[in-house]
């Protein structure tokens, strides 16, 4: 759904957001079919998506959970957290898009909320973000026209609130 939304954003000239591939070292490829037979991830990727919206650099990761009551923080890798932290500290907007599969609900989780929960976890607190907190402090993502997951409307709302 994110990829389709990104295509619509590009077509409507609302923003440019690209999926960032994980670097793979190919060891063996079938010369007849072009299929990779053997390989490994060269290094850890940063986040799933990077782009720009109205001159503001965006970086975010997409997370999905089958658990209705929380997002386990072990779904966020340490290098992803620190990448987003550095991104935000340097003037960008960082966030997670969290999809609760069983509830069929998606939320925009600002980095500040992730940072708060991550810091508490490191201090011995809970290792998850409760659904209730995401529901209250995050932003539910809806659809608009051909944009199935209209997260840029939330980014715009977030920027207005943050700057206002």
N, C-alpha and C. Protein backbone atom coordinates (compact mmCIF):
# COMPACT_ATOMS: atom_id res chain seq x y z
N UNK A 1 0.81 -1.20 0.00
CA UNK A 1 0.00 0.00 0.00
C UNK A 1 0.86 1.26 0.00
N UNK A 2 1.99 1.22 0.68
CA UNK A 2 2.85 2.40 0.71
C UNK A 2 3.40 2.70 -0.68
N UNK A 3 3.82 1.65 -1.38
CA UNK A 3 4.36 1.84 -2.73
C UNK A 3 3.33 2.47 -3.66
N UNK A 4 2.09 1.99 -3.58
CA UNK A 4 1.03 2.56 -4.42
C UNK A 4 0.76 4.01 -4.05
N UNK A 5 0.77 4.30 -2.77
CA UNK A 5 0.58 5.69 -2.32
C UNK A 5 1.71 6.57 -2.84
N UNK A 6 2.94 6.07 -2.77
CA UNK A 6 4.09 6.84 -3.25
C UNK A 6 3.98 7.13 -4.74
N UNK A 7 3.47 6.17 -5.52
CA UNK A 7 3.27 6.39 -6.96
C UNK A 7 2.26 7.51 -7.19
N UNK A 8 1.19 7.50 -6.41
CA UNK A 8 0.17 8.55 -6.54
C UNK A 8 0.73 9.91 -6.13
N UNK A 9 1.50 9.93 -5.06
CA UNK A 9 2.12 11.19 -4.63
C UNK A 9 2.99 11.76 -5.76
N UNK A 10 3.77 10.90 -6.39
CA UNK A 10 4.65 11.34 -7.48
C UNK A 10 3.82 11.83 -8.67
N UNK A 11 2.79 11.08 -9.04
CA UNK A 11 1.92 11.49 -10.16
C UNK A 11 1.25 12.82 -9.90
N UNK A 12 0.87 13.05 -8.66
CA UNK A 12 0.19 14.30 -8.30
C UNK A 12 1.18 15.39 -7.88
N UNK A 13 2.46 15.11 -8.03
CA UNK A 13 3.55 16.04 -7.69
C UNK A 13 3.43 16.57 -6.26
N UNK A 14 3.08 15.66 -5.36
CA UNK A 14 2.96 16.03 -3.94
C UNK A 14 4.24 15.77 -3.17
N UNK A 15 5.04 14.84 -3.64
CA UNK A 15 6.27 14.49 -2.96
C UNK A 15 6.98 13.39 -3.71
N UNK A 16 8.23 13.19 -3.38
CA UNK A 16 9.02 12.12 -3.98
C UNK A 16 9.55 11.26 -2.84
N UNK A 17 9.06 10.03 -2.78
CA UNK A 17 9.48 9.10 -1.73
C UNK A 17 9.91 7.80 -2.40
N UNK A 18 11.10 7.34 -2.05
CA UNK A 18 11.66 6.15 -2.67
C UNK A 18 11.90 5.05 -1.65
N UNK A 19 11.66 3.81 -2.07
CA UNK A 19 11.99 2.64 -1.26
C UNK A 19 13.50 2.45 -1.35
N UNK A 20 14.13 2.22 -0.21
CA UNK A 20 15.57 2.02 -0.16
C UNK A 20 15.86 0.52 -0.13
N UNK A 21 16.52 0.00 -1.16
CA UNK A 21 16.81 -1.44 -1.16
C UNK A 21 17.91 -1.80 -0.17
N UNK A 22 17.84 -3.00 0.36
CA UNK A 22 18.90 -3.52 1.23
C UNK A 22 20.04 -4.00 0.34
N UNK A 23 21.27 -3.52 0.59
CA UNK A 23 22.40 -3.93 -0.25
C UNK A 23 22.66 -5.44 -0.14
N UNK A 24 22.73 -6.10 -1.30
CA UNK A 24 22.94 -7.55 -1.35
C UNK A 24 24.22 -7.85 -2.12
N UNK A 25 25.04 -8.73 -1.59
CA UNK A 25 26.23 -9.22 -2.28
C UNK A 25 25.85 -10.53 -2.96
N UNK A 26 25.87 -10.53 -4.29
CA UNK A 26 25.49 -11.71 -5.06
C UNK A 26 26.72 -12.61 -5.20
N UNK A 27 26.55 -13.88 -4.82
CA UNK A 27 27.65 -14.84 -4.93
C UNK A 27 27.51 -15.73 -6.16
N UNK A 28 26.26 -16.03 -6.52
CA UNK A 28 26.03 -16.91 -7.65
C UNK A 28 24.73 -16.52 -8.34
N UNK A 29 24.79 -16.41 -9.66
CA UNK A 29 23.60 -16.06 -10.43
C UNK A 29 23.48 -17.01 -11.60
N UNK A 30 22.27 -17.45 -11.88
CA UNK A 30 22.01 -18.32 -13.02
C UNK A 30 22.07 -17.47 -14.29
N UNK A 31 23.08 -17.70 -15.13
CA UNK A 31 23.27 -16.87 -16.32
C UNK A 31 22.14 -17.02 -17.33
N UNK A 32 21.42 -18.13 -17.26
CA UNK A 32 20.33 -18.38 -18.20
C UNK A 32 19.07 -17.61 -17.79
N UNK A 33 18.75 -17.64 -16.50
CA UNK A 33 17.49 -17.03 -16.03
C UNK A 33 17.70 -15.67 -15.36
N UNK A 34 18.94 -15.39 -14.95
CA UNK A 34 19.20 -14.15 -14.22
C UNK A 34 18.81 -14.23 -12.75
N UNK A 35 18.41 -15.41 -12.30
CA UNK A 35 17.99 -15.61 -10.92
C UNK A 35 19.21 -15.70 -10.00
N UNK A 36 19.11 -15.01 -8.86
CA UNK A 36 20.17 -15.09 -7.86
C UNK A 36 20.02 -16.40 -7.10
N UNK A 37 21.05 -17.23 -7.14
CA UNK A 37 21.02 -18.52 -6.45
C UNK A 37 21.62 -18.45 -5.06
N UNK A 38 22.56 -17.53 -4.87
CA UNK A 38 23.23 -17.44 -3.58
C UNK A 38 23.70 -16.00 -3.37
N UNK A 39 23.52 -15.52 -2.16
CA UNK A 39 23.94 -14.17 -1.82
C UNK A 39 23.67 -13.88 -0.36
N UNK A 40 24.08 -12.71 0.09
CA UNK A 40 23.83 -12.32 1.47
C UNK A 40 23.74 -10.79 1.54
N UNK A 41 23.13 -10.32 2.62
CA UNK A 41 23.03 -8.88 2.84
C UNK A 41 24.41 -8.36 3.21
N UNK A 42 24.90 -7.38 2.46
CA UNK A 42 26.24 -6.83 2.70
C UNK A 42 26.33 -6.06 4.00
N UNK A 43 25.31 -5.27 4.27
CA UNK A 43 25.29 -4.47 5.49
C UNK A 43 23.84 -4.20 5.86
N UNK A 44 23.67 -3.67 7.04
CA UNK A 44 22.33 -3.34 7.49
C UNK A 44 21.82 -2.16 6.68
N UNK A 45 20.56 -2.22 6.35
CA UNK A 45 19.95 -1.10 5.65
C UNK A 45 19.66 0.01 6.65
N UNK A 46 19.29 1.16 6.15
CA UNK A 46 18.96 2.27 7.04
C UNK A 46 17.49 2.14 7.43
N UNK A 47 16.62 2.75 6.66
CA UNK A 47 15.18 2.64 6.86
C UNK A 47 14.56 2.27 5.52
N UNK A 48 13.26 1.99 5.52
CA UNK A 48 12.60 1.53 4.30
C UNK A 48 12.44 2.61 3.23
N UNK A 49 12.19 3.85 3.67
CA UNK A 49 11.85 4.91 2.71
C UNK A 49 12.54 6.22 3.06
N UNK A 50 12.95 6.93 2.01
CA UNK A 50 13.52 8.27 2.14
C UNK A 50 12.93 9.11 1.02
N UNK A 51 12.65 10.37 1.34
CA UNK A 51 12.11 11.24 0.31
C UNK A 51 12.04 12.68 0.77
N UNK A 52 11.28 13.45 0.00
CA UNK A 52 11.11 14.87 0.32
C UNK A 52 9.65 15.26 0.08
N UNK A 53 9.14 16.08 0.98
CA UNK A 53 7.77 16.57 0.89
C UNK A 53 7.79 18.06 1.22
N UNK A 54 7.45 18.88 0.23
CA UNK A 54 7.43 20.34 0.40
C UNK A 54 8.75 20.88 0.95
N UNK A 55 9.82 20.33 0.43
CA UNK A 55 11.15 20.79 0.83
C UNK A 55 11.67 20.20 2.12
N UNK A 56 10.89 19.34 2.75
CA UNK A 56 11.29 18.74 4.03
C UNK A 56 11.75 17.30 3.78
N UNK A 57 12.97 16.96 4.20
CA UNK A 57 13.44 15.58 4.03
C UNK A 57 12.71 14.63 4.99
N UNK A 58 12.27 13.49 4.45
CA UNK A 58 11.55 12.48 5.23
C UNK A 58 12.34 11.18 5.24
N UNK A 59 12.30 10.48 6.35
CA UNK A 59 12.84 9.12 6.45
C UNK A 59 11.91 8.35 7.36
N UNK A 60 11.51 7.15 6.91
CA UNK A 60 10.63 6.36 7.76
C UNK A 60 10.77 4.88 7.48
N UNK A 61 10.33 4.12 8.44
CA UNK A 61 10.32 2.67 8.32
C UNK A 61 8.89 2.18 8.50
N UNK A 62 8.55 1.14 7.79
CA UNK A 62 7.22 0.54 7.89
C UNK A 62 7.30 -0.70 8.78
N UNK A 63 6.42 -0.77 9.75
CA UNK A 63 6.37 -1.91 10.67
C UNK A 63 4.96 -2.49 10.65
N UNK A 64 4.88 -3.78 10.82
CA UNK A 64 3.59 -4.47 10.83
C UNK A 64 3.58 -5.42 12.02
N UNK A 65 2.43 -5.51 12.67
CA UNK A 65 2.33 -6.42 13.81
C UNK A 65 0.99 -7.15 13.80
N UNK A 66 1.03 -8.41 14.20
CA UNK A 66 -0.19 -9.21 14.36
C UNK A 66 -0.73 -9.10 15.77
N UNK A 67 -0.01 -8.41 16.64
CA UNK A 67 -0.42 -8.24 18.04
C UNK A 67 -1.29 -6.99 18.11
N UNK A 68 -2.50 -7.14 18.64
CA UNK A 68 -3.45 -6.02 18.67
C UNK A 68 -3.17 -5.00 19.76
N UNK A 69 -2.40 -5.36 20.76
CA UNK A 69 -2.28 -4.53 21.96
C UNK A 69 -1.00 -3.70 22.05
N UNK A 70 -0.04 -3.92 21.11
CA UNK A 70 1.23 -3.21 21.24
C UNK A 70 2.08 -3.39 19.98
N UNK A 71 3.10 -2.55 19.90
CA UNK A 71 4.17 -2.72 18.93
C UNK A 71 5.42 -3.04 19.74
N UNK A 72 5.93 -4.24 19.56
CA UNK A 72 7.16 -4.63 20.27
C UNK A 72 8.33 -3.83 19.71
N UNK A 73 9.12 -3.24 20.59
CA UNK A 73 10.24 -2.42 20.15
C UNK A 73 11.35 -3.23 19.50
N UNK A 74 11.34 -4.56 19.69
CA UNK A 74 12.35 -5.36 18.99
C UNK A 74 12.06 -5.42 17.49
N UNK A 75 10.89 -4.91 17.05
CA UNK A 75 10.61 -4.76 15.62
C UNK A 75 11.42 -3.62 15.01
N UNK A 76 11.87 -2.70 15.86
CA UNK A 76 12.70 -1.59 15.40
C UNK A 76 14.14 -1.95 15.73
N UNK A 77 14.95 -2.07 14.70
CA UNK A 77 16.36 -2.43 14.92
C UNK A 77 17.13 -1.21 15.43
N UNK A 78 18.14 -1.48 16.23
CA UNK A 78 18.91 -0.41 16.85
C UNK A 78 19.47 0.57 15.81
N UNK A 79 20.01 0.04 14.71
CA UNK A 79 20.58 0.93 13.69
C UNK A 79 19.50 1.79 13.03
N UNK A 80 18.26 1.29 12.96
CA UNK A 80 17.17 2.09 12.41
C UNK A 80 16.81 3.23 13.35
N UNK A 81 16.73 2.92 14.64
CA UNK A 81 16.45 3.95 15.64
C UNK A 81 17.49 5.07 15.56
N UNK A 82 18.77 4.70 15.55
CA UNK A 82 19.82 5.71 15.55
C UNK A 82 19.88 6.48 14.23
N UNK A 83 19.55 5.82 13.13
CA UNK A 83 19.47 6.53 11.85
C UNK A 83 18.38 7.60 11.92
N UNK A 84 17.20 7.23 12.40
CA UNK A 84 16.09 8.19 12.51
C UNK A 84 16.44 9.31 13.49
N UNK A 85 17.08 8.96 14.58
CA UNK A 85 17.48 9.97 15.58
C UNK A 85 18.41 11.00 14.93
N UNK A 86 19.42 10.53 14.23
CA UNK A 86 20.36 11.41 13.55
C UNK A 86 19.65 12.25 12.48
N UNK A 87 18.73 11.62 11.76
CA UNK A 87 17.97 12.30 10.71
C UNK A 87 17.20 13.49 11.30
N UNK A 88 16.50 13.24 12.39
CA UNK A 88 15.69 14.27 13.03
C UNK A 88 16.58 15.36 13.63
N UNK A 89 17.68 14.97 14.25
CA UNK A 89 18.60 15.95 14.83
C UNK A 89 19.21 16.87 13.77
N UNK A 90 19.21 16.41 12.52
CA UNK A 90 19.76 17.20 11.43
C UNK A 90 18.68 17.90 10.61
N UNK A 91 17.48 18.00 11.16
CA UNK A 91 16.44 18.80 10.53
C UNK A 91 15.41 18.06 9.71
N UNK A 92 15.54 16.76 9.59
CA UNK A 92 14.56 15.99 8.83
C UNK A 92 13.39 15.55 9.70
N UNK A 93 12.40 14.98 9.06
CA UNK A 93 11.26 14.40 9.76
C UNK A 93 11.41 12.88 9.69
N UNK A 94 11.42 12.24 10.84
CA UNK A 94 11.54 10.79 10.92
C UNK A 94 10.32 10.22 11.61
N UNK A 95 9.90 9.05 11.17
CA UNK A 95 8.71 8.43 11.75
C UNK A 95 8.63 6.96 11.37
N UNK A 96 7.67 6.29 12.00
CA UNK A 96 7.32 4.93 11.62
C UNK A 96 5.89 4.95 11.10
N UNK A 97 5.62 4.07 10.16
CA UNK A 97 4.24 3.75 9.81
C UNK A 97 4.01 2.37 10.39
N UNK A 98 3.07 2.28 11.32
CA UNK A 98 2.79 1.03 12.02
C UNK A 98 1.43 0.51 11.57
N UNK A 99 1.42 -0.72 11.07
CA UNK A 99 0.16 -1.33 10.64
C UNK A 99 -0.20 -2.48 11.58
N UNK A 100 -1.37 -2.36 12.20
CA UNK A 100 -1.91 -3.44 13.04
C UNK A 100 -2.76 -4.32 12.13
N UNK A 101 -2.21 -5.47 11.75
CA UNK A 101 -2.82 -6.34 10.75
C UNK A 101 -4.23 -6.76 11.11
N UNK A 102 -4.42 -7.29 12.31
CA UNK A 102 -5.74 -7.80 12.70
C UNK A 102 -6.79 -6.70 12.83
N UNK A 103 -6.35 -5.50 13.16
CA UNK A 103 -7.27 -4.37 13.32
C UNK A 103 -7.47 -3.62 12.00
N UNK A 104 -6.60 -3.92 11.03
CA UNK A 104 -6.59 -3.22 9.74
C UNK A 104 -6.51 -1.70 9.95
N UNK A 105 -5.58 -1.29 10.82
CA UNK A 105 -5.36 0.12 11.13
C UNK A 105 -3.88 0.45 10.96
N UNK A 106 -3.63 1.62 10.40
CA UNK A 106 -2.26 2.09 10.23
C UNK A 106 -2.11 3.44 10.92
N UNK A 107 -0.94 3.64 11.53
CA UNK A 107 -0.67 4.85 12.29
C UNK A 107 0.67 5.46 11.90
N UNK A 108 0.71 6.79 11.93
CA UNK A 108 1.94 7.56 11.82
C UNK A 108 2.45 7.74 13.24
N UNK A 109 3.64 7.24 13.50
CA UNK A 109 4.25 7.33 14.82
C UNK A 109 5.45 8.26 14.72
N UNK A 110 5.32 9.50 15.21
CA UNK A 110 6.44 10.44 15.11
C UNK A 110 7.67 9.93 15.86
N UNK A 111 8.83 10.31 15.37
CA UNK A 111 10.06 9.86 16.01
C UNK A 111 10.09 10.21 17.49
N UNK A 112 9.56 11.37 17.86
CA UNK A 112 9.58 11.80 19.25
C UNK A 112 8.91 10.77 20.16
N UNK A 113 7.84 10.16 19.69
CA UNK A 113 7.15 9.13 20.46
C UNK A 113 7.99 7.86 20.54
N UNK A 114 8.59 7.47 19.41
CA UNK A 114 9.50 6.32 19.41
C UNK A 114 10.67 6.58 20.36
N UNK A 115 11.23 7.77 20.29
CA UNK A 115 12.38 8.13 21.12
C UNK A 115 12.03 8.05 22.61
N UNK A 116 10.88 8.56 22.97
CA UNK A 116 10.42 8.51 24.37
C UNK A 116 10.34 7.07 24.86
N UNK A 117 9.72 6.21 24.07
CA UNK A 117 9.55 4.80 24.48
C UNK A 117 10.87 4.05 24.45
N UNK A 118 11.72 4.34 23.48
CA UNK A 118 13.03 3.69 23.37
C UNK A 118 13.90 4.04 24.58
N UNK A 119 13.89 5.32 24.96
CA UNK A 119 14.68 5.78 26.10
C UNK A 119 14.21 5.10 27.38
N UNK A 120 12.90 4.99 27.55
CA UNK A 120 12.36 4.29 28.74
C UNK A 120 12.75 2.82 28.73
N UNK A 121 12.73 2.19 27.55
CA UNK A 121 13.13 0.78 27.44
C UNK A 121 14.58 0.61 27.89
N UNK A 122 15.46 1.49 27.43
CA UNK A 122 16.88 1.40 27.80
C UNK A 122 17.10 1.61 29.29
N UNK A 123 16.17 2.32 29.93
CA UNK A 123 16.26 2.56 31.38
C UNK A 123 15.57 1.46 32.17
N UNK A 124 15.17 0.37 31.50
CA UNK A 124 14.55 -0.76 32.19
C UNK A 124 13.04 -0.80 32.10
N UNK A 125 12.45 0.10 31.33
CA UNK A 125 11.00 0.13 31.18
C UNK A 125 10.49 -0.90 30.18
N UNK A 126 9.23 -0.75 29.82
CA UNK A 126 8.61 -1.74 28.94
C UNK A 126 9.26 -1.76 27.56
N UNK A 127 9.22 -2.92 26.95
CA UNK A 127 9.88 -3.16 25.67
C UNK A 127 8.90 -3.09 24.50
N UNK A 128 7.82 -2.35 24.69
CA UNK A 128 6.82 -2.21 23.64
C UNK A 128 6.12 -0.87 23.80
N UNK A 129 5.43 -0.49 22.73
CA UNK A 129 4.60 0.71 22.77
C UNK A 129 3.15 0.23 22.77
N UNK A 130 2.40 0.50 23.82
CA UNK A 130 1.02 0.03 23.87
C UNK A 130 0.17 0.63 22.75
N UNK A 131 -0.75 -0.17 22.24
CA UNK A 131 -1.68 0.31 21.21
C UNK A 131 -2.37 1.59 21.67
N UNK A 132 -2.76 1.62 22.94
CA UNK A 132 -3.47 2.78 23.48
C UNK A 132 -2.64 4.05 23.32
N UNK A 133 -1.33 3.96 23.56
CA UNK A 133 -0.45 5.12 23.41
C UNK A 133 -0.33 5.52 21.94
N UNK A 134 -0.22 4.54 21.07
CA UNK A 134 -0.14 4.83 19.64
C UNK A 134 -1.45 5.47 19.17
N UNK A 135 -2.57 4.94 19.64
CA UNK A 135 -3.89 5.47 19.29
C UNK A 135 -4.03 6.92 19.77
N UNK A 136 -3.56 7.19 21.00
CA UNK A 136 -3.71 8.53 21.59
C UNK A 136 -2.70 9.54 21.06
N UNK A 137 -1.43 9.12 20.92
CA UNK A 137 -0.36 10.07 20.61
C UNK A 137 0.13 9.99 19.16
N UNK A 138 -0.25 8.93 18.46
CA UNK A 138 0.09 8.81 17.05
C UNK A 138 -1.02 9.42 16.21
N UNK A 139 -0.98 9.18 14.93
CA UNK A 139 -1.98 9.71 14.01
C UNK A 139 -2.50 8.57 13.14
N UNK A 140 -3.78 8.35 13.16
CA UNK A 140 -4.37 7.30 12.32
C UNK A 140 -4.30 7.74 10.87
N UNK A 141 -3.84 6.85 10.01
CA UNK A 141 -3.68 7.16 8.59
C UNK A 141 -4.90 6.65 7.83
N UNK A 142 -5.52 7.53 7.10
CA UNK A 142 -6.68 7.16 6.28
C UNK A 142 -6.31 7.15 4.80
N UNK A 143 -7.33 7.09 3.97
CA UNK A 143 -7.13 7.13 2.53
C UNK A 143 -7.78 8.40 1.97
N UNK A 144 -7.35 8.78 0.77
CA UNK A 144 -7.92 9.94 0.10
C UNK A 144 -7.82 9.71 -1.40
N UNK A 145 -8.97 9.59 -2.04
CA UNK A 145 -8.98 9.35 -3.48
C UNK A 145 -8.23 8.08 -3.84
N UNK A 146 -7.26 8.20 -4.73
CA UNK A 146 -6.47 7.04 -5.16
C UNK A 146 -5.30 6.73 -4.22
N UNK A 147 -5.17 7.53 -3.18
CA UNK A 147 -4.07 7.32 -2.23
C UNK A 147 -4.60 6.48 -1.07
N UNK A 148 -4.23 5.20 -1.08
CA UNK A 148 -4.77 4.24 -0.11
C UNK A 148 -4.28 4.52 1.31
N UNK A 149 -3.04 4.93 1.44
CA UNK A 149 -2.45 5.19 2.75
C UNK A 149 -1.88 6.61 2.71
N UNK A 150 -2.71 7.58 3.03
CA UNK A 150 -2.37 8.99 2.83
C UNK A 150 -1.57 9.53 4.01
N UNK A 151 -0.34 9.08 4.12
CA UNK A 151 0.50 9.49 5.25
C UNK A 151 1.05 10.90 5.09
N UNK A 152 1.15 11.42 3.85
CA UNK A 152 1.66 12.78 3.69
C UNK A 152 0.71 13.83 4.25
N UNK A 153 -0.58 13.54 4.27
CA UNK A 153 -1.52 14.45 4.94
C UNK A 153 -1.21 14.53 6.43
N UNK A 154 -0.79 13.40 6.99
CA UNK A 154 -0.42 13.37 8.41
C UNK A 154 0.89 14.12 8.62
N UNK A 155 1.84 13.94 7.71
CA UNK A 155 3.11 14.67 7.81
C UNK A 155 2.82 16.17 7.79
N UNK A 156 1.94 16.59 6.89
CA UNK A 156 1.59 18.01 6.80
C UNK A 156 0.96 18.50 8.11
N UNK A 157 0.04 17.71 8.66
CA UNK A 157 -0.59 18.06 9.94
C UNK A 157 0.45 18.11 11.05
N UNK A 158 1.35 17.14 11.06
CA UNK A 158 2.41 17.08 12.07
C UNK A 158 3.31 18.31 11.98
N UNK A 159 3.71 18.68 10.76
CA UNK A 159 4.58 19.85 10.57
C UNK A 159 3.89 21.13 11.02
N UNK A 160 2.60 21.25 10.73
CA UNK A 160 1.83 22.42 11.14
C UNK A 160 1.75 22.51 12.66
N UNK A 161 1.48 21.37 13.30
CA UNK A 161 1.38 21.32 14.76
C UNK A 161 2.73 21.61 15.41
N UNK A 162 3.78 21.01 14.85
CA UNK A 162 5.13 21.15 15.39
C UNK A 162 5.62 22.60 15.28
N UNK A 163 5.33 23.23 14.14
CA UNK A 163 5.80 24.60 13.90
C UNK A 163 4.87 25.64 14.51
N UNK A 164 3.61 25.23 14.75
CA UNK A 164 2.60 26.17 15.22
C UNK A 164 2.76 26.49 16.65
